[in-house]
Amino acid sequence: MNFERDHKLCFDKLTWAMGQLGVAVGEKELSKIADLIVQTMTGPWRYFHTPDHIFEVGGSANAIEVLAALFHDLVYVQVDQSVNFNLTYYISPFIRDIQDHLYIRDQEDLPDDPMFDLVIGVFGFKPGQQLSPFAGQNEFLSALVCARVLVSFLHPSLILQIVTCIEATIPFRPAVEGKTAADRLYENIQTVNQDFQLGLSEGELIESVQRAVRMANRDVGSFAHPSSARFLDNTWSLLPETNHNLKNPSSYTVIEYRVALQKMEGFMNFLRPELVFQQFKGEPPNQRYHSLLERAGRNIAIARIYLGSKLFTMAVLEALSRRFGRNIPLSTIMGEFNPHGLPIEKLEDFLPDVPLKVSMEDPLEQEILGLLEKGRFSSSSYDIKNSPLTTLIVKIMGFQEISDLLDQAKAFFKDEISNEEFLALCNPEVVRIITESLSKLFDSRKAALLQMAKVAS
């Protein structure tokens, strides 16, 4: 049912955009394009980068932005684990795979294709170049599909403007020699416009980059969401896209969940607001731009502490679980993830109520404690939204003591110190409570097994 809904929405957006551009395209052709987009965007690992995401990113006011958004996430190798088969027709003449790395073919092996030349010019890439998943690979390949799909219907000057929008969605790029990513994009499309004799004026080129920045900022708009709970919801939607073991909540291990948290915590500590949102020649206006940066900075600060606290919790659980195994399912330690409300006991059922034992005067820390205790905005398919165990640890230790021990937790993850050495560094009350609660949970399971044995006899 969702496929039919998404296909209709995609078809309607394609129809509207083509109408706005004054281009006549038959329903059959538009339906095929909608098929290509929606089938790709509904792959088994797509949790965040879904049809809903591309519909939101495109907005509803500008045809070029709408079209660019529909195509901008078609290729996402890290998420899909490959290039979707339906897209290879458009990509394989220009790209080769060497030992699981994608390369643009050498110049002598490339076919003569104006759309490929246009796309590679907008991105500033070169023949023979290795593509990086973290430096435009997915956006470049998505733009290539877009250009080759639309070339039958749109003038190259329109395709240039659409591809410009897609290039701008390469995220988190710093300025280089004083030039922002938008500045570099502007220079690239100036060259393409001249080389292809597309006839776009200087004003139209500036407007193209401003439009691209507007769409790209919507692409990462969740970073500026006024609700930190909703921002963390989006973060939790991203985790299973590149940590596929999380798809089955009953079998992913303590280590697998910890690795997913650790990667996201490391990313948030790298990130700065000015890497998230872009500005080019007054788009967005200064007041709006600085508001985006401020809200992004606040959400990133919350995410760092929130993720760091949960990562510390996983370090304690992993250290304790090492006493009886190394690849223990998290459900064995915490209790079965139970979306159906069955009477299954969990570790949190055996945790004592503890008062807040540390000062919590910082409003940001108070908000994060509330997020841990009450939860993110919604539960995900693989995890509950609140964090009872982390809440208990924070109430006893406080965020600062947890932060002080994070480096030791990471040393434990790298086997630089043993699990027992790490536990010896931790707050003894926390270790005692978790150990006793685990023991009670396991005793409860033992009692249930013995009860069934009596019934059977």
Protein backbone atom coordinates (compact mmCIF):
# COMPACT_ATOMS: atom_id res chain seq x y z
CA MET A 1 0.00 0.00 0.00
CA ASN A 2 2.84 2.41 0.84
CA PHE A 3 4.40 1.82 -2.57
CA GLU A 4 1.21 2.84 -4.34
CA ARG A 5 0.88 5.93 -2.14
CA ASP A 6 4.50 6.93 -2.66
CA HIS A 7 4.30 6.26 -6.40
CA LYS A 8 1.25 8.49 -6.72
CA LEU A 9 2.91 11.30 -4.74
CA CYS A 10 6.07 11.00 -6.82
CA PHE A 11 4.08 10.93 -10.07
CA ASP A 12 2.08 13.97 -8.98
CA LYS A 13 5.25 15.91 -8.14
CA LEU A 14 6.81 15.00 -11.47
CA THR A 15 3.65 16.06 -13.27
CA TRP A 16 3.47 19.37 -11.38
CA ALA A 17 7.16 20.16 -11.92
CA MET A 18 7.04 19.45 -15.65
CA GLY A 19 3.94 21.60 -15.93
CA GLN A 20 5.65 24.45 -14.10
CA LEU A 21 8.59 24.21 -16.52
CA GLY A 22 6.27 24.17 -19.54
CA VAL A 23 7.41 20.71 -20.63
CA ALA A 24 4.94 18.16 -22.01
CA VAL A 25 5.74 14.61 -20.84
CA GLY A 26 3.37 11.67 -21.24
CA GLU A 27 1.86 9.91 -18.23
CA LYS A 28 3.52 6.64 -19.22
CA GLU A 29 7.00 8.19 -19.19
CA LEU A 30 6.40 9.95 -15.87
CA SER A 31 5.07 6.74 -14.35
CA LYS A 32 8.27 4.92 -15.36
CA ILE A 33 10.37 7.62 -13.71
CA ALA A 34 8.25 7.40 -10.56
CA ASP A 35 8.76 3.61 -10.58
CA LEU A 36 12.52 4.05 -10.77
CA ILE A 37 12.60 6.55 -7.91
CA VAL A 38 10.18 4.88 -5.50
CA GLN A 39 11.49 1.33 -5.98
CA THR A 40 15.00 2.55 -5.20
CA MET A 41 13.96 4.67 -2.22
CA THR A 42 12.01 1.84 -0.58
CA GLY A 43 14.92 -0.62 -0.32
CA PRO A 44 15.10 -2.87 2.77
CA TRP A 45 17.69 -0.71 4.55
CA ARG A 46 16.03 2.64 3.99
CA TYR A 47 14.85 4.04 7.32
CA PHE A 48 15.52 7.77 6.95
CA HIS A 49 16.36 8.27 3.26
CA THR A 50 12.89 7.28 2.10
CA PRO A 51 10.26 8.74 -0.26
CA ASP A 52 8.94 10.88 2.60
CA HIS A 53 12.39 12.44 2.93
CA ILE A 54 12.73 13.38 -0.74
CA PHE A 55 9.20 14.79 -0.82
CA GLU A 56 10.03 16.99 2.18
CA VAL A 57 13.41 18.13 0.84
CA GLY A 58 11.93 19.23 -2.48
CA GLY A 59 9.35 21.49 -0.94
CA SER A 60 6.43 22.55 -3.07
CA ALA A 61 7.29 25.96 -4.46
CA ASN A 62 10.01 25.47 -7.08
CA ALA A 63 9.98 22.90 -9.89
CA ILE A 64 13.76 22.58 -10.13
CA GLU A 65 14.06 21.93 -6.39
CA VAL A 66 11.25 19.38 -6.53
CA LEU A 67 12.90 17.45 -9.37
CA ALA A 68 16.36 17.61 -7.80
CA ALA A 69 15.07 16.32 -4.48
CA LEU A 70 13.32 13.36 -6.11
CA PHE A 71 16.66 12.18 -7.52
CA HIS A 72 19.23 13.38 -4.96
CA ASP A 73 19.33 10.25 -2.75
CA LEU A 74 18.78 7.57 -5.41
CA VAL A 75 22.28 6.19 -4.95
CA TYR A 76 23.35 5.55 -1.36
CA VAL A 77 25.93 2.80 -1.47
CA GLN A 78 26.56 2.64 2.29
CA VAL A 79 22.85 2.16 2.96
CA ASP A 80 21.85 -0.13 0.08
CA GLN A 81 25.22 -2.00 0.14
CA SER A 82 25.39 -1.59 -3.62
CA VAL A 83 24.01 0.44 -6.50
CA ASN A 84 20.40 -0.54 -7.10
CA PHE A 85 20.20 -2.82 -10.14
CA ASN A 86 17.66 -0.59 -11.89
CA LEU A 87 20.15 2.30 -11.83
CA THR A 88 23.11 0.44 -13.33
CA TYR A 89 21.83 1.05 -16.87
CA TYR A 90 22.52 4.76 -16.39
CA ILE A 91 25.78 4.41 -14.42
CA SER A 92 27.83 1.44 -15.62
CA PRO A 93 29.10 2.97 -18.90
CA PHE A 94 30.93 5.60 -16.85
CA ILE A 95 31.87 3.84 -13.59
CA ARG A 96 33.87 0.72 -12.77
CA ASP A 97 34.27 -1.27 -9.58
CA ILE A 98 37.80 -2.17 -8.46
CA GLN A 99 38.06 -4.19 -5.26
CA ASP A 100 34.84 -2.74 -3.84
CA HIS A 101 35.80 0.85 -4.69
CA LEU A 102 34.06 2.83 -7.41
CA TYR A 103 36.07 4.77 -9.98
CA ILE A 104 35.16 7.03 -12.85
CA ARG A 105 36.43 5.31 -15.98
CA ASP A 106 39.60 6.59 -17.61
CA GLN A 107 39.14 9.15 -20.35
CA GLU A 108 39.83 6.69 -23.19
CA ASP A 109 37.18 4.31 -21.84
CA LEU A 110 34.41 6.88 -21.44
CA PRO A 111 31.66 7.08 -24.06
CA ASP A 112 30.83 10.39 -25.65
CA ASP A 113 27.94 11.60 -23.52
CA PRO A 114 27.19 15.32 -23.04
CA MET A 115 25.17 14.71 -19.87
CA PHE A 116 28.04 12.88 -18.22
CA ASP A 117 30.37 15.72 -19.19
CA LEU A 118 27.93 18.23 -17.72
CA VAL A 119 27.59 16.34 -14.42
CA ILE A 120 31.31 15.73 -13.97
CA GLY A 121 31.88 19.44 -14.65
CA VAL A 122 29.37 20.55 -12.02
CA PHE A 123 30.97 18.28 -9.43
CA GLY A 124 34.53 19.18 -10.41
CA PHE A 125 35.47 15.51 -10.73
CA LYS A 126 37.96 14.00 -13.21
CA PRO A 127 38.19 10.82 -15.34
CA GLY A 128 39.97 8.02 -13.48
CA GLN A 129 39.10 9.49 -10.08
CA GLN A 130 38.22 7.20 -7.18
CA LEU A 131 34.84 8.09 -5.71
CA SER A 132 34.48 8.42 -1.96
CA PRO A 133 31.22 7.72 -0.11
CA PHE A 134 32.09 10.67 2.13
CA ALA A 135 33.00 13.14 -0.64
CA GLY A 136 30.17 13.17 -3.15
CA GLN A 137 30.10 9.63 -4.54
CA ASN A 138 26.39 9.08 -3.91
CA GLU A 139 25.37 12.57 -4.97
CA PHE A 140 27.45 12.38 -8.16
CA LEU A 141 25.96 9.04 -9.19
CA SER A 142 22.44 10.20 -8.30
CA ALA A 143 22.96 13.34 -10.41
CA LEU A 144 24.23 11.21 -13.29
CA VAL A 145 21.08 9.08 -13.19
CA CYS A 146 18.97 12.22 -12.99
CA ALA A 147 20.62 13.88 -15.98
CA ARG A 148 20.41 10.79 -18.18
CA VAL A 149 16.77 10.12 -17.24
CA LEU A 150 15.66 13.70 -17.89
CA VAL A 151 17.74 14.47 -20.99
CA SER A 152 14.92 13.35 -23.26
CA PHE A 153 12.57 15.95 -21.80
CA LEU A 154 14.54 18.94 -20.52
CA HIS A 155 16.94 21.45 -22.04
CA PRO A 156 20.54 21.07 -20.76
CA SER A 157 20.30 24.47 -19.05
CA LEU A 158 17.50 23.12 -16.84
CA ILE A 159 19.41 19.91 -16.18
CA LEU A 160 22.41 22.00 -15.12
CA GLN A 161 20.25 23.78 -12.56
CA ILE A 162 18.84 20.49 -11.25
CA VAL A 163 22.28 18.88 -11.00
CA THR A 164 23.52 22.01 -9.20
CA CYS A 165 20.93 21.39 -6.49
CA ILE A 166 22.01 17.76 -6.13
CA GLU A 167 25.71 18.69 -5.86
CA ALA A 168 24.90 21.10 -3.02
CA THR A 169 23.52 18.22 -0.93
CA ILE A 170 27.02 16.80 -0.43
CA PRO A 171 27.07 17.40 3.32
CA PHE A 172 29.48 18.74 5.92
CA ARG A 173 32.16 20.32 3.71
CA PRO A 174 34.54 22.92 5.14
CA ALA A 175 35.76 26.02 3.35
CA VAL A 176 38.97 25.52 1.38
CA GLU A 177 41.32 28.48 0.97
CA GLY A 178 38.51 30.80 1.98
CA LYS A 179 36.00 29.36 -0.49
CA THR A 180 32.89 27.60 0.74
CA ALA A 181 31.40 24.59 -1.02
CA ALA A 182 28.78 26.92 -2.51
CA ASP A 183 31.51 29.25 -3.82
CA ARG A 184 33.26 26.35 -5.50
CA LEU A 185 29.97 25.10 -6.96
CA TYR A 186 29.33 28.57 -8.42
CA GLU A 187 32.72 28.55 -10.14
CA ASN A 188 32.07 25.07 -11.54
CA ILE A 189 28.72 25.94 -13.07
CA GLN A 190 30.14 29.14 -14.54
CA THR A 191 32.62 26.97 -16.44
CA VAL A 192 29.98 24.42 -17.49
CA ASN A 193 27.63 27.16 -18.66
CA GLN A 194 30.40 28.61 -20.83
CA ASP A 195 31.76 25.30 -22.15
CA PHE A 196 28.29 24.04 -23.11
CA GLN A 197 27.12 27.45 -24.34
CA LEU A 198 23.95 27.13 -22.27
CA GLY A 199 23.28 30.85 -22.24
CA LEU A 200 22.48 31.28 -18.54
CA SER A 201 23.10 34.82 -17.34
CA GLU A 202 25.25 35.67 -14.32
CA GLY A 203 22.07 36.36 -12.37
CA GLU A 204 20.62 32.97 -13.32
CA LEU A 205 23.82 31.22 -12.23
CA ILE A 206 23.74 32.99 -8.86
CA GLU A 207 20.06 32.08 -8.50
CA SER A 208 20.91 28.46 -9.32
CA VAL A 209 23.35 28.22 -6.43
CA GLN A 210 21.00 30.08 -4.08
CA ARG A 211 18.27 27.60 -5.01
CA ALA A 212 20.69 24.72 -4.44
CA VAL A 213 21.66 26.06 -1.00
CA ARG A 214 17.99 26.43 -0.08
CA MET A 215 17.30 22.81 -0.98
CA ALA A 216 20.48 21.52 0.64
CA ASN A 217 19.59 23.28 3.89
CA ARG A 218 16.20 21.56 3.86
CA ASP A 219 18.04 18.26 3.35
CA VAL A 220 19.72 18.69 6.75
CA GLY A 221 16.87 20.68 8.27
CA SER A 222 16.38 18.30 11.18
CA PHE A 223 19.59 19.65 12.72
CA ALA A 224 17.74 22.91 13.38
CA HIS A 225 14.52 21.33 14.63
CA PRO A 226 13.23 23.27 17.65
CA SER A 227 12.52 19.96 19.41
CA SER A 228 15.63 18.05 20.49
CA ALA A 229 13.44 14.95 20.92
CA ARG A 230 12.51 15.04 17.23
CA PHE A 231 16.11 15.73 16.23
CA LEU A 232 17.20 12.61 18.12
CA ASP A 233 14.38 10.67 16.45
CA ASN A 234 15.98 11.43 13.09
CA THR A 235 19.37 10.40 14.46
CA TRP A 236 17.91 7.06 15.57
CA SER A 237 16.39 6.58 12.09
CA LEU A 238 19.86 6.95 10.58
CA LEU A 239 21.54 4.33 12.78
CA PRO A 240 20.13 1.15 11.16
CA GLU A 241 20.80 2.44 7.63
CA THR A 242 24.53 1.83 8.08
CA ASN A 243 24.33 -0.65 10.97
CA HIS A 244 22.24 -3.35 9.39
CA ASN A 245 22.48 -5.74 12.34
CA LEU A 246 20.07 -3.46 14.21
CA LYS A 247 17.24 -4.56 11.94
CA ASN A 248 16.57 -7.56 14.19
CA PRO A 249 16.21 -6.25 17.76
CA SER A 250 16.29 -9.75 19.25
CA SER A 251 19.69 -10.72 17.87
CA TYR A 252 22.00 -7.70 17.60
CA THR A 253 24.77 -7.93 20.15
CA VAL A 254 25.95 -5.60 22.88
CA ILE A 255 29.02 -4.83 20.78
CA GLU A 256 27.03 -4.20 17.58
CA TYR A 257 24.75 -1.71 19.33
CA ARG A 258 27.74 -0.06 21.01
CA VAL A 259 29.58 0.28 17.68
CA ALA A 260 26.53 1.99 16.16
CA LEU A 261 26.39 4.46 19.05
CA GLN A 262 30.15 4.96 18.97
CA LYS A 263 30.18 5.89 15.28
CA MET A 264 27.37 8.41 15.75
CA GLU A 265 28.96 9.85 18.90
CA GLY A 266 32.25 10.29 17.06
CA PHE A 267 30.45 11.98 14.16
CA MET A 268 28.63 14.42 16.44
CA ASN A 269 31.89 15.35 18.14
CA PHE A 270 33.44 16.09 14.74
CA LEU A 271 30.49 18.15 13.52
CA ARG A 272 30.19 21.93 13.72
CA PRO A 273 27.05 23.94 12.85
CA GLU A 274 28.80 25.84 10.04
CA LEU A 275 29.44 22.49 8.33
CA VAL A 276 25.73 21.68 8.42
CA PHE A 277 24.07 24.74 6.92
CA GLN A 278 25.23 26.76 3.92
CA GLN A 279 24.81 30.35 2.81
CA PHE A 280 25.46 31.96 -0.58
CA LYS A 281 25.01 35.61 -1.48
CA GLY A 282 22.21 36.28 0.99
CA GLU A 283 20.48 32.89 0.80
CA PRO A 284 19.38 32.32 3.45
CA PRO A 285 19.24 35.87 4.86
CA ASN A 286 21.66 36.50 7.73
CA GLN A 287 19.06 36.39 10.49
CA ARG A 288 17.64 33.10 9.24
CA TYR A 289 21.13 31.65 8.69
CA HIS A 290 22.36 32.51 12.17
CA SER A 291 19.16 31.09 13.65
CA LEU A 292 19.84 27.80 11.83
CA LEU A 293 23.40 27.74 13.14
CA GLU A 294 22.27 28.48 16.69
CA ARG A 295 19.64 25.76 16.75
CA ALA A 296 21.99 23.27 15.09
CA GLY A 297 24.67 24.06 17.66
CA ARG A 298 22.25 23.40 20.48
CA ASN A 299 21.02 20.10 19.03
CA ILE A 300 24.58 18.94 18.35
CA ALA A 301 25.58 19.80 21.94
CA ILE A 302 22.61 17.82 23.25
CA ALA A 303 23.41 14.87 20.98
CA ARG A 304 27.04 14.76 22.13
CA ILE A 305 26.09 14.47 25.81
CA TYR A 306 23.12 12.18 25.14
CA LEU A 307 25.11 9.78 22.96
CA GLY A 308 28.15 9.92 25.24
CA SER A 309 26.01 8.94 28.22
CA LYS A 310 24.40 6.04 26.39
CA LEU A 311 27.81 4.95 25.10
CA PHE A 312 29.16 4.88 28.65
CA THR A 313 26.17 2.75 29.69
CA MET A 314 26.97 0.30 26.92
CA ALA A 315 30.61 0.21 28.07
CA VAL A 316 29.51 -0.89 31.55
CA LEU A 317 27.16 -3.52 30.11
CA GLU A 318 29.80 -4.77 27.68
CA ALA A 319 32.39 -4.98 30.46
CA LEU A 320 30.01 -6.98 32.66
CA SER A 321 28.94 -9.23 29.77
CA ARG A 322 32.60 -10.12 29.10
CA ARG A 323 32.43 -12.18 32.30
CA PHE A 324 30.37 -14.80 30.46
CA GLY A 325 30.88 -14.14 26.75
CA ARG A 326 31.98 -11.71 24.07
CA ASN A 327 29.14 -11.72 21.52
CA ILE A 328 26.10 -11.52 23.76
CA PRO A 329 22.78 -10.33 22.28
CA LEU A 330 21.73 -7.11 23.95
CA SER A 331 18.29 -8.65 24.55
CA THR A 332 19.99 -11.25 26.76
CA ILE A 333 21.25 -8.45 29.00
CA MET A 334 18.40 -5.94 28.79
CA GLY A 335 15.46 -8.22 28.12
CA GLU A 336 13.61 -8.86 24.89
CA PHE A 337 12.60 -5.81 22.87
CA ASN A 338 8.85 -6.04 23.21
CA PRO A 339 6.75 -3.86 20.88
CA HIS A 340 3.64 -5.99 21.48
CA GLY A 341 3.40 -5.40 25.23
CA LEU A 342 3.83 -9.03 26.25
CA PRO A 343 4.60 -9.78 29.95
CA ILE A 344 8.36 -10.18 29.43
CA GLU A 345 10.61 -9.05 32.26
CA LYS A 346 13.40 -6.63 31.44
CA LEU A 347 16.45 -5.33 33.26
CA GLU A 348 14.70 -2.03 33.93
CA ASP A 349 12.05 -3.89 35.97
CA PHE A 350 14.74 -4.70 38.55
CA LEU A 351 16.41 -1.30 38.72
CA PRO A 352 15.81 0.58 41.98
CA ASP A 353 14.46 4.11 42.10
CA VAL A 354 17.34 6.41 42.93
CA PRO A 355 17.20 10.10 43.73
CA LEU A 356 19.23 12.65 41.81
CA LYS A 357 22.56 12.69 43.66
CA VAL A 358 24.38 15.38 41.66
CA SER A 359 23.73 19.02 40.93
CA MET A 360 21.86 19.52 37.67
CA GLU A 361 21.66 23.31 37.35
CA ASP A 362 22.57 23.55 33.66
CA PRO A 363 19.27 23.79 31.67
CA LEU A 364 20.85 21.79 28.83
CA GLU A 365 21.73 18.93 31.19
CA GLN A 366 18.24 19.06 32.68
CA GLU A 367 16.77 18.72 29.19
CA ILE A 368 19.05 15.78 28.35
CA LEU A 369 18.13 13.99 31.58
CA GLY A 370 14.48 14.47 30.61
CA LEU A 371 15.17 13.00 27.16
CA LEU A 372 16.80 9.96 28.75
CA GLU A 373 14.08 9.50 31.34
CA LYS A 374 10.98 10.27 29.27
CA GLY A 375 12.37 9.39 25.88
CA ARG A 376 12.85 10.72 22.41
CA PHE A 377 9.72 11.76 20.54
CA SER A 378 8.93 8.22 19.38
CA SER A 379 10.17 4.66 19.61
CA SER A 380 11.97 3.09 16.69
CA SER A 381 11.53 -0.37 15.24
CA TYR A 382 14.69 -1.63 16.96
CA ASP A 383 14.92 0.34 20.21
CA ILE A 384 12.76 1.87 22.93
CA LYS A 385 12.62 5.66 23.10
CA ASN A 386 13.63 6.13 26.74
CA SER A 387 16.79 4.98 28.54
CA PRO A 388 16.04 3.77 32.10
CA LEU A 389 19.53 2.42 32.78
CA THR A 390 21.34 5.50 31.49
CA THR A 391 18.93 7.65 33.52
CA LEU A 392 19.92 5.77 36.67
CA ILE A 393 23.62 6.15 35.90
CA VAL A 394 23.27 9.88 35.23
CA LYS A 395 21.35 10.40 38.49
CA ILE A 396 24.16 8.77 40.43
CA MET A 397 27.23 10.01 38.56
CA GLY A 398 26.18 13.13 36.67
CA PHE A 399 27.15 13.99 33.12
CA GLN A 400 30.58 15.34 34.00
CA GLU A 401 31.83 12.14 35.66
CA ILE A 402 30.49 10.13 32.72
CA SER A 403 32.31 12.42 30.31
CA ASP A 404 35.52 12.09 32.31
CA LEU A 405 35.37 8.30 31.96
CA LEU A 406 34.49 8.15 28.25
CA ASP A 407 38.13 8.01 27.17
CA GLN A 408 38.64 5.01 29.45
CA ALA A 409 35.54 3.39 27.98
CA LYS A 410 36.98 3.86 24.49
CA ALA A 411 40.30 2.42 25.65
CA PHE A 412 38.34 -0.63 26.82
CA PHE A 413 36.61 -0.89 23.44
CA LYS A 414 40.06 -1.03 21.81
CA ASP A 415 41.24 -3.66 24.34
CA GLU A 416 43.84 -1.25 25.69
CA ILE A 417 42.49 -1.98 29.16
CA SER A 418 40.58 -5.05 30.31
CA ASN A 419 36.91 -5.13 31.20
CA GLU A 420 37.77 -5.54 34.89
CA GLU A 421 40.18 -2.61 34.79
CA PHE A 422 37.47 -0.46 33.27
CA LEU A 423 34.88 -1.57 35.84
CA ALA A 424 37.33 -0.75 38.64
CA LEU A 425 37.40 2.84 37.37
CA CYS A 426 33.61 3.15 37.36
CA ASN A 427 31.39 4.36 40.14
CA PRO A 428 31.09 1.32 42.46
CA GLU A 429 27.43 2.00 43.25
CA VAL A 430 26.56 1.92 39.55
CA VAL A 431 28.44 -1.36 39.02
CA ARG A 432 26.82 -2.90 42.10
CA ILE A 433 23.27 -1.90 41.14
CA ILE A 434 23.59 -3.14 37.55
CA THR A 435 25.23 -6.41 38.68
CA GLU A 436 22.50 -7.06 41.26
CA SER A 437 19.74 -6.16 38.80
CA LEU A 438 21.20 -8.50 36.17
CA SER A 439 21.37 -11.25 38.76
CA LYS A 440 17.71 -10.73 39.65
CA LEU A 441 16.73 -10.81 35.97
CA PHE A 442 18.62 -14.06 35.42
CA ASP A 443 17.13 -15.54 38.62
CA SER A 444 13.68 -14.67 37.29
CA ARG A 445 14.43 -16.47 34.04
CA LYS A 446 15.77 -19.46 35.96
CA ALA A 447 12.60 -19.57 38.06
CA ALA A 448 10.45 -19.46 34.93
CA LEU A 449 12.40 -22.37 33.44
CA LEU A 450 12.09 -24.44 36.62
CA GLN A 451 8.36 -23.71 36.80
CA MET A 452 7.90 -25.01 33.28
CA ALA A 453 9.96 -28.09 34.17
CA LYS A 454 7.59 -28.82 37.11
CA VAL A 455 4.58 -28.47 34.83
CA ALA A 456 6.14 -30.83 32.29
CA SER A 457 6.83 -33.45 34.98
